Amino acid sequence: MMYVSITGLKTINIFSWFKFWLLAIPAFRGAQKAKGIIFCETKKVKNYHHTLTVWESKNDMLNYKKSSSHIKAMRLFKSIATGKIYSFETNLIPSWDEALERFNNEAYEVLYKRN
């Protein structure tokens, strides 16, 4: 069983857009190299920056969340973006259309504390 995570983040303003990319690029590269990653892509849809990742297991994804690049991005999240996340287990890698449909119907708001 694989573990899928899809996020959708929208930057607050033009200044936060620059900060977002300064943090998002290292975090995305970290995900691409993380243990257990099977699939890792981004796509912009209606002003939301989506990331679709597929992992060998939920534990692999949780270990990535503890990485320095991800933690650094999440520390500043509230000051640069709003967004939602949806994760689920599956036996097949979803298409972007399927993942976005599930995201649009079932995602919950991302709530990170400011540090």
PDB file of N, CA and C in Angstrom:
ATOM      1  N   MET A   1       0.844  -1.183   0.000  1.00  0.00           N
ATOM      2  CA  MET A   1       0.000   0.000   0.000  1.00  0.00           C
ATOM      3  C   MET A   1       0.887   1.244   0.000  1.00  0.00           C
ATOM      4  N   MET A   2       0.656   2.149  -0.925  1.00  0.00           N
ATOM      5  CA  MET A   2       1.421   3.399  -1.023  1.00  0.00           C
ATOM      6  C   MET A   2       0.680   4.504  -0.272  1.00  0.00           C
ATOM      7  N   TYR A   3       1.413   5.566   0.027  1.00  0.00           N
ATOM      8  CA  TYR A   3       0.828   6.707   0.731  1.00  0.00           C
ATOM      9  C   TYR A   3       0.961   7.933  -0.162  1.00  0.00           C
ATOM     10  N   VAL A   4      -0.150   8.608  -0.413  1.00  0.00           N
ATOM     11  CA  VAL A   4      -0.216   9.764  -1.302  1.00  0.00           C
ATOM     12  C   VAL A   4      -0.493  11.014  -0.475  1.00  0.00           C
ATOM     13  N   SER A   5       0.200  12.088  -0.816  1.00  0.00           N
ATOM     14  CA  SER A   5      -0.051  13.376  -0.184  1.00  0.00           C
ATOM     15  C   SER A   5      -0.134  14.428  -1.277  1.00  0.00           C
ATOM     16  N   ILE A   6      -1.210  15.221  -1.245  1.00  0.00           N
ATOM     17  CA  ILE A   6      -1.347  16.326  -2.190  1.00  0.00           C
ATOM     18  C   ILE A   6      -1.621  17.599  -1.396  1.00  0.00           C
ATOM     19  N   THR A   7      -0.826  18.620  -1.687  1.00  0.00           N
ATOM     20  CA  THR A   7      -0.996  19.911  -1.036  1.00  0.00           C
ATOM     21  C   THR A   7      -1.359  20.955  -2.067  1.00  0.00           C
ATOM     22  N   GLY A   8      -2.007  22.002  -1.612  1.00  0.00           N
ATOM     23  CA  GLY A   8      -2.324  23.146  -2.449  1.00  0.00           C
ATOM     24  C   GLY A   8      -2.100  24.401  -1.630  1.00  0.00           C
ATOM     25  N   LEU A   9      -1.137  25.212  -2.042  1.00  0.00           N
ATOM     26  CA  LEU A   9      -0.792  26.420  -1.297  1.00  0.00           C
ATOM     27  C   LEU A   9      -0.940  27.643  -2.186  1.00  0.00           C
ATOM     28  N   LYS A  10      -1.470  28.716  -1.605  1.00  0.00           N
ATOM     29  CA  LYS A  10      -1.649  29.974  -2.325  1.00  0.00           C
ATOM     30  C   LYS A  10      -0.918  31.055  -1.549  1.00  0.00           C
ATOM     31  N   THR A  11       0.010  31.739  -2.222  1.00  0.00           N
ATOM     32  CA  THR A  11       0.769  32.774  -1.538  1.00  0.00           C
ATOM     33  C   THR A  11      -0.120  33.973  -1.222  1.00  0.00           C
ATOM     34  N   ILE A  12       0.242  34.685  -0.156  1.00  0.00           N
ATOM     35  CA  ILE A  12      -0.573  35.794   0.349  1.00  0.00           C
ATOM     36  C   ILE A  12      -0.436  37.033  -0.533  1.00  0.00           C
ATOM     37  N   ASN A  13       0.777  37.343  -0.977  1.00  0.00           N
ATOM     38  CA  ASN A  13       1.011  38.520  -1.819  1.00  0.00           C
ATOM     39  C   ASN A  13       2.296  38.317  -2.613  1.00  0.00           C
ATOM     40  N   ILE A  14       2.702  39.314  -3.370  1.00  0.00           N
ATOM     41  CA  ILE A  14       3.879  39.187  -4.225  1.00  0.00           C
ATOM     42  C   ILE A  14       5.149  38.974  -3.407  1.00  0.00           C
ATOM     43  N   PHE A  15       5.246  39.617  -2.244  1.00  0.00           N
ATOM     44  CA  PHE A  15       6.435  39.451  -1.409  1.00  0.00           C
ATOM     45  C   PHE A  15       6.502  38.031  -0.851  1.00  0.00           C
ATOM     46  N   SER A  16       5.358  37.507  -0.449  1.00  0.00           N
ATOM     47  CA  SER A  16       5.338  36.140   0.074  1.00  0.00           C
ATOM     48  C   SER A  16       5.591  35.125  -1.036  1.00  0.00           C
ATOM     49  N   TRP A  17       5.268  35.488  -2.273  1.00  0.00           N
ATOM     50  CA  TRP A  17       5.528  34.608  -3.406  1.00  0.00           C
ATOM     51  C   TRP A  17       7.026  34.327  -3.516  1.00  0.00           C
ATOM     52  N   PHE A  18       7.855  35.361  -3.368  1.00  0.00           N
ATOM     53  CA  PHE A  18       9.313  35.167  -3.429  1.00  0.00           C
ATOM     54  C   PHE A  18       9.807  34.298  -2.281  1.00  0.00           C
ATOM     55  N   LYS A  19       9.323  34.562  -1.075  1.00  0.00           N
ATOM     56  CA  LYS A  19       9.705  33.743   0.083  1.00  0.00           C
ATOM     57  C   LYS A  19       9.276  32.297  -0.121  1.00  0.00           C
ATOM     58  N   PHE A  20       8.065  32.138  -0.650  1.00  0.00           N
ATOM     59  CA  PHE A  20       7.540  30.799  -0.900  1.00  0.00           C
ATOM     60  C   PHE A  20       8.518  30.002  -1.757  1.00  0.00           C
ATOM     61  N   TRP A  21       8.959  30.580  -2.862  1.00  0.00           N
ATOM     62  CA  TRP A  21       9.844  29.853  -3.769  1.00  0.00           C
ATOM     63  C   TRP A  21      11.224  29.610  -3.174  1.00  0.00           C
ATOM     64  N   LEU A  22      11.700  30.539  -2.356  1.00  0.00           N
ATOM     65  CA  LEU A  22      12.988  30.325  -1.683  1.00  0.00           C
ATOM     66  C   LEU A  22      12.933  29.122  -0.745  1.00  0.00           C
ATOM     67  N   LEU A  23      11.765  28.854  -0.186  1.00  0.00           N
ATOM     68  CA  LEU A  23      11.588  27.725   0.722  1.00  0.00           C
ATOM     69  C   LEU A  23      11.107  26.470  -0.002  1.00  0.00           C
ATOM     70  N   ALA A  24      10.250  26.662  -1.000  1.00  0.00           N
ATOM     71  CA  ALA A  24       9.635  25.518  -1.677  1.00  0.00           C
ATOM     72  C   ALA A  24      10.636  24.723  -2.509  1.00  0.00           C
ATOM     73  N   ILE A  25      11.554  25.393  -3.156  1.00  0.00           N
ATOM     74  CA  ILE A  25      12.506  24.678  -4.016  1.00  0.00           C
ATOM     75  C   ILE A  25      13.361  23.700  -3.213  1.00  0.00           C
ATOM     76  N   PRO A  26      13.997  24.134  -2.112  1.00  0.00           N
ATOM     77  CA  PRO A  26      14.771  23.157  -1.330  1.00  0.00           C
ATOM     78  C   PRO A  26      13.904  22.039  -0.740  1.00  0.00           C
ATOM     79  N   ALA A  27      12.692  22.370  -0.298  1.00  0.00           N
ATOM     80  CA  ALA A  27      11.807  21.344   0.265  1.00  0.00           C
ATOM     81  C   ALA A  27      11.416  20.334  -0.808  1.00  0.00           C
ATOM     82  N   PHE A  28      11.131  20.799  -2.019  1.00  0.00           N
ATOM     83  CA  PHE A  28      10.765  19.911  -3.116  1.00  0.00           C
ATOM     84  C   PHE A  28      11.944  19.027  -3.513  1.00  0.00           C
ATOM     85  N   ARG A  29      13.124  19.607  -3.596  1.00  0.00           N
ATOM     86  CA  ARG A  29      14.318  18.819  -3.926  1.00  0.00           C
ATOM     87  C   ARG A  29      14.580  17.766  -2.855  1.00  0.00           C
ATOM     88  N   GLY A  30      14.323  18.139  -1.599  1.00  0.00           N
ATOM     89  CA  GLY A  30      14.475  17.179  -0.510  1.00  0.00           C
ATOM     90  C   GLY A  30      13.508  16.019  -0.656  1.00  0.00           C
ATOM     91  N   ALA A  31      12.275  16.330  -1.043  1.00  0.00           N
ATOM     92  CA  ALA A  31      11.282  15.271  -1.244  1.00  0.00           C
ATOM     93  C   ALA A  31      11.699  14.357  -2.396  1.00  0.00           C
ATOM     94  N   GLN A  32      12.227  14.927  -3.470  1.00  0.00           N
ATOM     95  CA  GLN A  32      12.651  14.127  -4.614  1.00  0.00           C
ATOM     96  C   GLN A  32      13.742  13.122  -4.252  1.00  0.00           C
ATOM     97  N   LYS A  33      14.542  13.450  -3.241  1.00  0.00           N
ATOM     98  CA  LYS A  33      15.661  12.596  -2.845  1.00  0.00           C
ATOM     99  C   LYS A  33      15.359  11.763  -1.593  1.00  0.00           C
ATOM    100  N   ALA A  34      14.190  11.949  -1.017  1.00  0.00           N
ATOM    101  CA  ALA A  34      13.860  11.307   0.265  1.00  0.00           C
ATOM    102  C   ALA A  34      13.708   9.794   0.109  1.00  0.00           C
ATOM    103  N   LYS A  35      14.039   9.103   1.171  1.00  0.00           N
ATOM    104  CA  LYS A  35      13.858   7.651   1.205  1.00  0.00           C
ATOM    105  C   LYS A  35      12.374   7.338   1.046  1.00  0.00           C
ATOM    106  N   GLY A  36      12.079   6.405   0.175  1.00  0.00           N
ATOM    107  CA  GLY A  36      10.703   5.951  -0.002  1.00  0.00           C
ATOM    108  C   GLY A  36       9.866   6.732  -0.989  1.00  0.00           C
ATOM    109  N   ILE A  37      10.425   7.779  -1.625  1.00  0.00           N
ATOM    110  CA  ILE A  37       9.629   8.544  -2.595  1.00  0.00           C
ATOM    111  C   ILE A  37       9.492   7.735  -3.890  1.00  0.00           C
ATOM    112  N   ILE A  38       8.281   7.700  -4.407  1.00  0.00           N
ATOM    113  CA  ILE A  38       7.993   6.998  -5.658  1.00  0.00           C
ATOM    114  C   ILE A  38       7.690   7.998  -6.769  1.00  0.00           C
ATOM    115  N   PHE A  39       6.962   9.056  -6.425  1.00  0.00           N
ATOM    116  CA  PHE A  39       6.510  10.045  -7.402  1.00  0.00           C
ATOM    117  C   PHE A  39       6.488  11.399  -6.714  1.00  0.00           C
ATOM    118  N   CYS A  40       6.950  12.445  -7.428  1.00  0.00           N
ATOM    119  CA  CYS A  40       7.018  13.774  -6.829  1.00  0.00           C
ATOM    120  C   CYS A  40       6.928  14.814  -7.934  1.00  0.00           C
ATOM    121  N   GLU A  41       5.811  15.529  -8.002  1.00  0.00           N
ATOM    122  CA  GLU A  41       5.621  16.551  -9.028  1.00  0.00           C
ATOM    123  C   GLU A  41       4.880  17.743  -8.449  1.00  0.00           C
ATOM    124  N   THR A  42       4.985  18.866  -9.168  1.00  0.00           N
ATOM    125  CA  THR A  42       4.238  20.070  -8.811  1.00  0.00           C
ATOM    126  C   THR A  42       3.402  20.502 -10.008  1.00  0.00           C
ATOM    127  N   LYS A  43       2.352  21.266  -9.705  1.00  0.00           N
ATOM    128  CA  LYS A  43       1.484  21.784 -10.761  1.00  0.00           C
ATOM    129  C   LYS A  43       0.758  23.002 -10.200  1.00  0.00           C
ATOM    130  N   LYS A  44       0.643  24.046 -11.003  1.00  0.00           N
ATOM    131  CA  LYS A  44      -0.117  25.228 -10.587  1.00  0.00           C
ATOM    132  C   LYS A  44      -1.502  25.166 -11.208  1.00  0.00           C
ATOM    133  N   VAL A  45      -2.522  25.297 -10.356  1.00  0.00           N
ATOM    134  CA  VAL A  45      -3.910  25.273 -10.799  1.00  0.00           C
ATOM    135  C   VAL A  45      -4.656  26.394 -10.080  1.00  0.00           C
ATOM    136  N   LYS A  46      -5.178  27.347 -10.846  1.00  0.00           N
ATOM    137  CA  LYS A  46      -5.976  28.443 -10.290  1.00  0.00           C
ATOM    138  C   LYS A  46      -5.293  29.131  -9.105  1.00  0.00           C
ATOM    139  N   ASN A  47      -4.082  29.587  -9.305  1.00  0.00           N
ATOM    140  CA  ASN A  47      -3.296  30.317  -8.299  1.00  0.00           C
ATOM    141  C   ASN A  47      -2.861  29.483  -7.104  1.00  0.00           C
ATOM    142  N   TYR A  48      -3.078  28.184  -7.144  1.00  0.00           N
ATOM    143  CA  TYR A  48      -2.605  27.303  -6.081  1.00  0.00           C
ATOM    144  C   TYR A  48      -1.432  26.484  -6.602  1.00  0.00           C
ATOM    145  N   HIS A  49      -0.395  26.410  -5.801  1.00  0.00           N
ATOM    146  CA  HIS A  49       0.783  25.605  -6.111  1.00  0.00           C
ATOM    147  C   HIS A  49       0.579  24.245  -5.452  1.00  0.00           C
ATOM    148  N   HIS A  50       0.386  23.228  -6.270  1.00  0.00           N
ATOM    149  CA  HIS A  50       0.131  21.875  -5.767  1.00  0.00           C
ATOM    150  C   HIS A  50       1.390  21.028  -5.830  1.00  0.00           C
ATOM    151  N   THR A  51       1.536  20.178  -4.840  1.00  0.00           N
ATOM    152  CA  THR A  51       2.564  19.152  -4.843  1.00  0.00           C
ATOM    153  C   THR A  51       1.882  17.812  -4.672  1.00  0.00           C
ATOM    154  N   LEU A  52       2.207  16.873  -5.523  1.00  0.00           N
ATOM    155  CA  LEU A  52       1.681  15.513  -5.435  1.00  0.00           C
ATOM    156  C   LEU A  52       2.870  14.586  -5.195  1.00  0.00           C
ATOM    157  N   THR A  53       2.858  13.932  -4.035  1.00  0.00           N
ATOM    158  CA  THR A  53       3.915  12.981  -3.717  1.00  0.00           C
ATOM    159  C   THR A  53       3.307  11.625  -3.409  1.00  0.00           C
ATOM    160  N   VAL A  54       4.011  10.594  -3.830  1.00  0.00           N
ATOM    161  CA  VAL A  54       3.596   9.216  -3.545  1.00  0.00           C
ATOM    162  C   VAL A  54       4.791   8.541  -2.875  1.00  0.00           C
ATOM    163  N   TRP A  55       4.516   7.898  -1.752  1.00  0.00           N
ATOM    164  CA  TRP A  55       5.546   7.299  -0.914  1.00  0.00           C
ATOM    165  C   TRP A  55       5.323   5.804  -0.785  1.00  0.00           C
ATOM    166  N   GLU A  56       6.410   5.082  -0.535  1.00  0.00           N
ATOM    167  CA  GLU A  56       6.290   3.651  -0.284  1.00  0.00           C
ATOM    168  C   GLU A  56       5.451   3.374   0.953  1.00  0.00           C
ATOM    169  N   SER A  57       5.509   4.287   1.936  1.00  0.00           N
ATOM    170  CA  SER A  57       4.732   4.106   3.165  1.00  0.00           C
ATOM    171  C   SER A  57       4.466   5.456   3.824  1.00  0.00           C
ATOM    172  N   LYS A  58       3.495   5.479   4.712  1.00  0.00           N
ATOM    173  CA  LYS A  58       3.205   6.687   5.486  1.00  0.00           C
ATOM    174  C   LYS A  58       4.421   7.063   6.331  1.00  0.00           C
ATOM    175  N   ASN A  59       5.113   6.081   6.852  1.00  0.00           N
ATOM    176  CA  ASN A  59       6.289   6.336   7.669  1.00  0.00           C
ATOM    177  C   ASN A  59       7.371   7.074   6.874  1.00  0.00           C
ATOM    178  N   ASP A  60       7.553   6.726   5.601  1.00  0.00           N
ATOM    179  CA  ASP A  60       8.521   7.438   4.761  1.00  0.00           C
ATOM    180  C   ASP A  60       8.144   8.915   4.629  1.00  0.00           C
ATOM    181  N   MET A  61       6.859   9.188   4.418  1.00  0.00           N
ATOM    182  CA  MET A  61       6.408  10.574   4.307  1.00  0.00           C
ATOM    183  C   MET A  61       6.614  11.309   5.629  1.00  0.00           C
ATOM    184  N   LEU A  62       6.288  10.665   6.748  1.00  0.00           N
ATOM    185  CA  LEU A  62       6.459  11.300   8.054  1.00  0.00           C
ATOM    186  C   LEU A  62       7.934  11.592   8.334  1.00  0.00           C
ATOM    187  N   ASN A  63       8.824  10.715   7.911  1.00  0.00           N
ATOM    188  CA  ASN A  63      10.256  10.974   8.077  1.00  0.00           C
ATOM    189  C   ASN A  63      10.697  12.176   7.248  1.00  0.00           C
ATOM    190  N   TYR A  64      10.166  12.310   6.038  1.00  0.00           N
ATOM    191  CA  TYR A  64      10.481  13.484   5.219  1.00  0.00           C
ATOM    192  C   TYR A  64      10.005  14.766   5.905  1.00  0.00           C
ATOM    193  N   LYS A  65       8.827  14.717   6.522  1.00  0.00           N
ATOM    194  CA  LYS A  65       8.302  15.900   7.209  1.00  0.00           C
ATOM    195  C   LYS A  65       9.243  16.396   8.296  1.00  0.00           C
ATOM    196  N   LYS A  66      10.099  15.523   8.805  1.00  0.00           N
ATOM    197  CA  LYS A  66      11.067  15.896   9.851  1.00  0.00           C
ATOM    198  C   LYS A  66      12.364  16.463   9.271  1.00  0.00           C
ATOM    199  N   SER A  67      12.475  16.513   7.945  1.00  0.00           N
ATOM    200  CA  SER A  67      13.708  16.997   7.312  1.00  0.00           C
ATOM    201  C   SER A  67      13.857  18.504   7.533  1.00  0.00           C
ATOM    202  N   SER A  68      15.090  18.961   7.532  1.00  0.00           N
ATOM    203  CA  SER A  68      15.353  20.379   7.805  1.00  0.00           C
ATOM    204  C   SER A  68      14.694  21.298   6.777  1.00  0.00           C
ATOM    205  N   SER A  69      14.711  20.927   5.492  1.00  0.00           N
ATOM    206  CA  SER A  69      14.115  21.799   4.467  1.00  0.00           C
ATOM    207  C   SER A  69      12.602  21.906   4.639  1.00  0.00           C
ATOM    208  N   HIS A  70      11.947  20.827   5.023  1.00  0.00           N
ATOM    209  CA  HIS A  70      10.504  20.869   5.224  1.00  0.00           C
ATOM    210  C   HIS A  70      10.153  21.647   6.492  1.00  0.00           C
ATOM    211  N   ILE A  71      10.888  21.412   7.552  1.00  0.00           N
ATOM    212  CA  ILE A  71      10.635  22.126   8.808  1.00  0.00           C
ATOM    213  C   ILE A  71      10.832  23.628   8.620  1.00  0.00           C
ATOM    214  N   LYS A  72      11.881  24.016   7.918  1.00  0.00           N
ATOM    215  CA  LYS A  72      12.149  25.434   7.675  1.00  0.00           C
ATOM    216  C   LYS A  72      10.984  26.078   6.907  1.00  0.00           C
ATOM    217  N   ALA A  73      10.492  25.399   5.896  1.00  0.00           N
ATOM    218  CA  ALA A  73       9.371  25.929   5.113  1.00  0.00           C
ATOM    219  C   ALA A  73       8.112  26.041   5.968  1.00  0.00           C
ATOM    220  N   MET A  74       7.851  25.054   6.798  1.00  0.00           N
ATOM    221  CA  MET A  74       6.637  25.069   7.607  1.00  0.00           C
ATOM    222  C   MET A  74       6.687  26.113   8.719  1.00  0.00           C
ATOM    223  N   ARG A  75       7.864  26.436   9.198  1.00  0.00           N
ATOM    224  CA  ARG A  75       7.983  27.473  10.224  1.00  0.00           C
ATOM    225  C   ARG A  75       7.466  28.813   9.722  1.00  0.00           C
ATOM    226  N   LEU A  76       7.676  29.093   8.451  1.00  0.00           N
ATOM    227  CA  LEU A  76       7.274  30.375   7.879  1.00  0.00           C
ATOM    228  C   LEU A  76       5.957  30.308   7.113  1.00  0.00           C
ATOM    229  N   PHE A  77       5.348  29.148   7.101  1.00  0.00           N
ATOM    230  CA  PHE A  77       4.144  28.925   6.296  1.00  0.00           C
ATOM    231  C   PHE A  77       3.077  29.999   6.512  1.00  0.00           C
ATOM    232  N   LYS A  78       2.687  30.252   7.766  1.00  0.00           N
ATOM    233  CA  LYS A  78       1.587  31.178   8.047  1.00  0.00           C
ATOM    234  C   LYS A  78       1.855  32.591   7.554  1.00  0.00           C
ATOM    235  N   SER A  79       3.119  32.968   7.438  1.00  0.00           N
ATOM    236  CA  SER A  79       3.431  34.331   6.996  1.00  0.00           C
ATOM    237  C   SER A  79       3.482  34.455   5.473  1.00  0.00           C
ATOM    238  N   ILE A  80       3.432  33.319   4.762  1.00  0.00           N
ATOM    239  CA  ILE A  80       3.577  33.412   3.304  1.00  0.00           C
ATOM    240  C   ILE A  80       2.440  32.798   2.496  1.00  0.00           C
ATOM    241  N   ALA A  81       1.640  31.907   3.103  1.00  0.00           N
ATOM    242  CA  ALA A  81       0.641  31.206   2.278  1.00  0.00           C
ATOM    243  C   ALA A  81      -0.533  30.704   3.115  1.00  0.00           C
ATOM    244  N   THR A  82      -1.580  30.357   2.398  1.00  0.00           N
ATOM    245  CA  THR A  82      -2.705  29.612   2.962  1.00  0.00           C
ATOM    246  C   THR A  82      -2.777  28.318   2.161  1.00  0.00           C
ATOM    247  N   GLY A  83      -3.425  27.319   2.715  1.00  0.00           N
ATOM    248  CA  GLY A  83      -3.488  26.098   1.932  1.00  0.00           C
ATOM    249  C   GLY A  83      -4.195  24.951   2.588  1.00  0.00           C
ATOM    250  N   LYS A  84      -4.232  23.864   1.827  1.00  0.00           N
ATOM    251  CA  LYS A  84      -4.899  22.638   2.268  1.00  0.00           C
ATOM    252  C   LYS A  84      -4.023  21.445   1.926  1.00  0.00           C
ATOM    253  N   ILE A  85      -4.341  20.327   2.576  1.00  0.00           N
ATOM    254  CA  ILE A  85      -3.610  19.086   2.339  1.00  0.00           C
ATOM    255  C   ILE A  85      -4.592  17.918   2.395  1.00  0.00           C
ATOM    256  N   TYR A  86      -4.278  16.891   1.625  1.00  0.00           N
ATOM    257  CA  TYR A  86      -5.058  15.659   1.693  1.00  0.00           C
ATOM    258  C   TYR A  86      -4.123  14.489   1.457  1.00  0.00           C
ATOM    259  N   SER A  87      -4.236  13.476   2.284  1.00  0.00           N
ATOM    260  CA  SER A  87      -3.399  12.279   2.170  1.00  0.00           C
ATOM    261  C   SER A  87      -4.276  11.043   2.232  1.00  0.00           C
ATOM    262  N   PHE A  88      -3.835   9.993   1.540  1.00  0.00           N
ATOM    263  CA  PHE A  88      -4.608   8.747   1.549  1.00  0.00           C
ATOM    264  C   PHE A  88      -3.722   7.585   1.127  1.00  0.00           C
ATOM    265  N   GLU A  89      -4.148   6.389   1.461  1.00  0.00           N
ATOM    266  CA  GLU A  89      -3.446   5.171   1.047  1.00  0.00           C
ATOM    267  C   GLU A  89      -4.106   4.624  -0.210  1.00  0.00           C
ATOM    268  N   THR A  90      -3.286   4.005  -1.060  1.00  0.00           N
ATOM    269  CA  THR A  90      -3.789   3.464  -2.317  1.00  0.00           C
ATOM    270  C   THR A  90      -2.836   2.388  -2.827  1.00  0.00           C
ATOM    271  N   ASN A  91      -3.330   1.594  -3.747  1.00  0.00           N
ATOM    272  CA  ASN A  91      -2.489   0.587  -4.402  1.00  0.00           C
ATOM    273  C   ASN A  91      -1.954   1.077  -5.748  1.00  0.00           C
ATOM    274  N   LEU A  92      -2.507   2.194  -6.248  1.00  0.00           N
ATOM    275  CA  LEU A  92      -2.122   2.729  -7.554  1.00  0.00           C
ATOM    276  C   LEU A  92      -1.740   4.194  -7.437  1.00  0.00           C
ATOM    277  N   ILE A  93      -0.750   4.619  -8.198  1.00  0.00           N
ATOM    278  CA  ILE A  93      -0.399   6.037  -8.236  1.00  0.00           C
ATOM    279  C   ILE A  93      -1.533   6.776  -8.937  1.00  0.00           C
ATOM    280  N   PRO A  94      -2.125   7.772  -8.271  1.00  0.00           N
ATOM    281  CA  PRO A  94      -3.247   8.485  -8.896  1.00  0.00           C
ATOM    282  C   PRO A  94      -2.766   9.424  -9.998  1.00  0.00           C
ATOM    283  N   SER A  95      -3.635   9.676 -10.961  1.00  0.00           N
ATOM    284  CA  SER A  95      -3.363  10.702 -11.965  1.00  0.00           C
ATOM    285  C   SER A  95      -3.524  12.061 -11.280  1.00  0.00           C
ATOM    286  N   TRP A  96      -3.013  13.099 -11.912  1.00  0.00           N
ATOM    287  CA  TRP A  96      -3.224  14.435 -11.371  1.00  0.00           C
ATOM    288  C   TRP A  96      -4.719  14.745 -11.272  1.00  0.00           C
ATOM    289  N   ASP A  97      -5.489  14.361 -12.279  1.00  0.00           N
ATOM    290  CA  ASP A  97      -6.935  14.633 -12.247  1.00  0.00           C
ATOM    291  C   ASP A  97      -7.595  13.970 -11.050  1.00  0.00           C
ATOM    292  N   GLU A  98      -7.269  12.708 -10.806  1.00  0.00           N
ATOM    293  CA  GLU A  98      -7.841  12.002  -9.661  1.00  0.00           C
ATOM    294  C   GLU A  98      -7.394  12.647  -8.344  1.00  0.00           C
ATOM    295  N   ALA A  99      -6.120  12.943  -8.239  1.00  0.00           N
ATOM    296  CA  ALA A  99      -5.597  13.538  -7.008  1.00  0.00           C
ATOM    297  C   ALA A  99      -6.240  14.897  -6.745  1.00  0.00           C
ATOM    298  N   LEU A 100      -6.370  15.726  -7.773  1.00  0.00           N
ATOM    299  CA  LEU A 100      -6.985  17.048  -7.594  1.00  0.00           C
ATOM    300  C   LEU A 100      -8.463  16.946  -7.253  1.00  0.00           C
ATOM    301  N   GLU A 101      -9.148  15.967  -7.831  1.00  0.00           N
ATOM    302  CA  GLU A 101     -10.559  15.771  -7.492  1.00  0.00           C
ATOM    303  C   GLU A 101     -10.704  15.407  -6.016  1.00  0.00           C
ATOM    304  N   ARG A 102      -9.893  14.483  -5.554  1.00  0.00           N
ATOM    305  CA  ARG A 102      -9.929  14.098  -4.138  1.00  0.00           C
ATOM    306  C   ARG A 102      -9.548  15.278  -3.255  1.00  0.00           C
ATOM    307  N   PHE A 103      -8.522  16.020  -3.670  1.00  0.00           N
ATOM    308  CA  PHE A 103      -8.093  17.200  -2.927  1.00  0.00           C
ATOM    309  C   PHE A 103      -9.241  18.202  -2.818  1.00  0.00           C
ATOM    310  N   ASN A 104      -9.877  18.516  -3.939  1.00  0.00           N
ATOM    311  CA  ASN A 104     -10.959  19.507  -3.944  1.00  0.00           C
ATOM    312  C   ASN A 104     -12.153  19.078  -3.093  1.00  0.00           C
ATOM    313  N   ASN A 105     -12.401  17.778  -3.006  1.00  0.00           N
ATOM    314  CA  ASN A 105     -13.551  17.277  -2.247  1.00  0.00           C
ATOM    315  C   ASN A 105     -13.248  16.985  -0.784  1.00  0.00           C
ATOM    316  N   GLU A 106     -11.975  16.690  -0.453  1.00  0.00           N
ATOM    317  CA  GLU A 106     -11.703  16.159   0.878  1.00  0.00           C
ATOM    318  C   GLU A 106     -10.569  16.827   1.650  1.00  0.00           C
ATOM    319  N   ALA A 107      -9.864  17.766   1.049  1.00  0.00           N
ATOM    320  CA  ALA A 107      -8.715  18.379   1.726  1.00  0.00           C
ATOM    321  C   ALA A 107      -9.157  19.205   2.923  1.00  0.00           C
ATOM    322  N   TYR A 108      -8.251  19.315   3.885  1.00  0.00           N
ATOM    323  CA  TYR A 108      -8.515  20.135   5.058  1.00  0.00           C
ATOM    324  C   TYR A 108      -7.464  21.234   5.141  1.00  0.00           C
ATOM    325  N   GLU A 109      -7.850  22.334   5.789  1.00  0.00           N
ATOM    326  CA  GLU A 109      -6.970  23.491   5.880  1.00  0.00           C
ATOM    327  C   GLU A 109      -5.701  23.147   6.660  1.00  0.00           C
ATOM    328  N   VAL A 110      -4.575  23.651   6.154  1.00  0.00           N
ATOM    329  CA  VAL A 110      -3.298  23.465   6.822  1.00  0.00           C
ATOM    330  C   VAL A 110      -3.197  24.509   7.929  1.00  0.00           C
ATOM    331  N   LEU A 111      -2.965  24.050   9.126  1.00  0.00           N
ATOM    332  CA  LEU A 111      -2.821  24.965  10.259  1.00  0.00           C
ATOM    333  C   LEU A 111      -1.469  24.733  10.919  1.00  0.00           C
ATOM    334  N   TYR A 112      -0.559  25.649  10.683  1.00  0.00           N
ATOM    335  CA  TYR A 112       0.757  25.583  11.311  1.00  0.00           C
ATOM    336  C   TYR A 112       0.916  26.799  12.200  1.00  0.00           C
ATOM    337  N   LYS A 113       1.486  26.606  13.356  1.00  0.00           N
ATOM    338  CA  LYS A 113       1.744  27.700  14.275  1.00  0.00           C
ATOM    339  C   LYS A 113       2.942  28.505  13.795  1.00  0.00           C
ATOM    340  N   ARG A 114       2.889  29.802  14.068  1.00  0.00           N
ATOM    341  CA  ARG A 114       4.073  30.630  13.792  1.00  0.00           C
ATOM    342  C   ARG A 114       5.094  30.368  14.867  1.00  0.00           C
ATOM    343  N   ASN A 115       6.330  30.267  14.484  1.00  0.00           N
ATOM    344  CA  ASN A 115       7.427  30.073  15.457  1.00  0.00           C
ATOM    345  C   ASN A 115       8.312  31.278  15.498  1.00  0.00           C
TER     346      ASN A 115
END
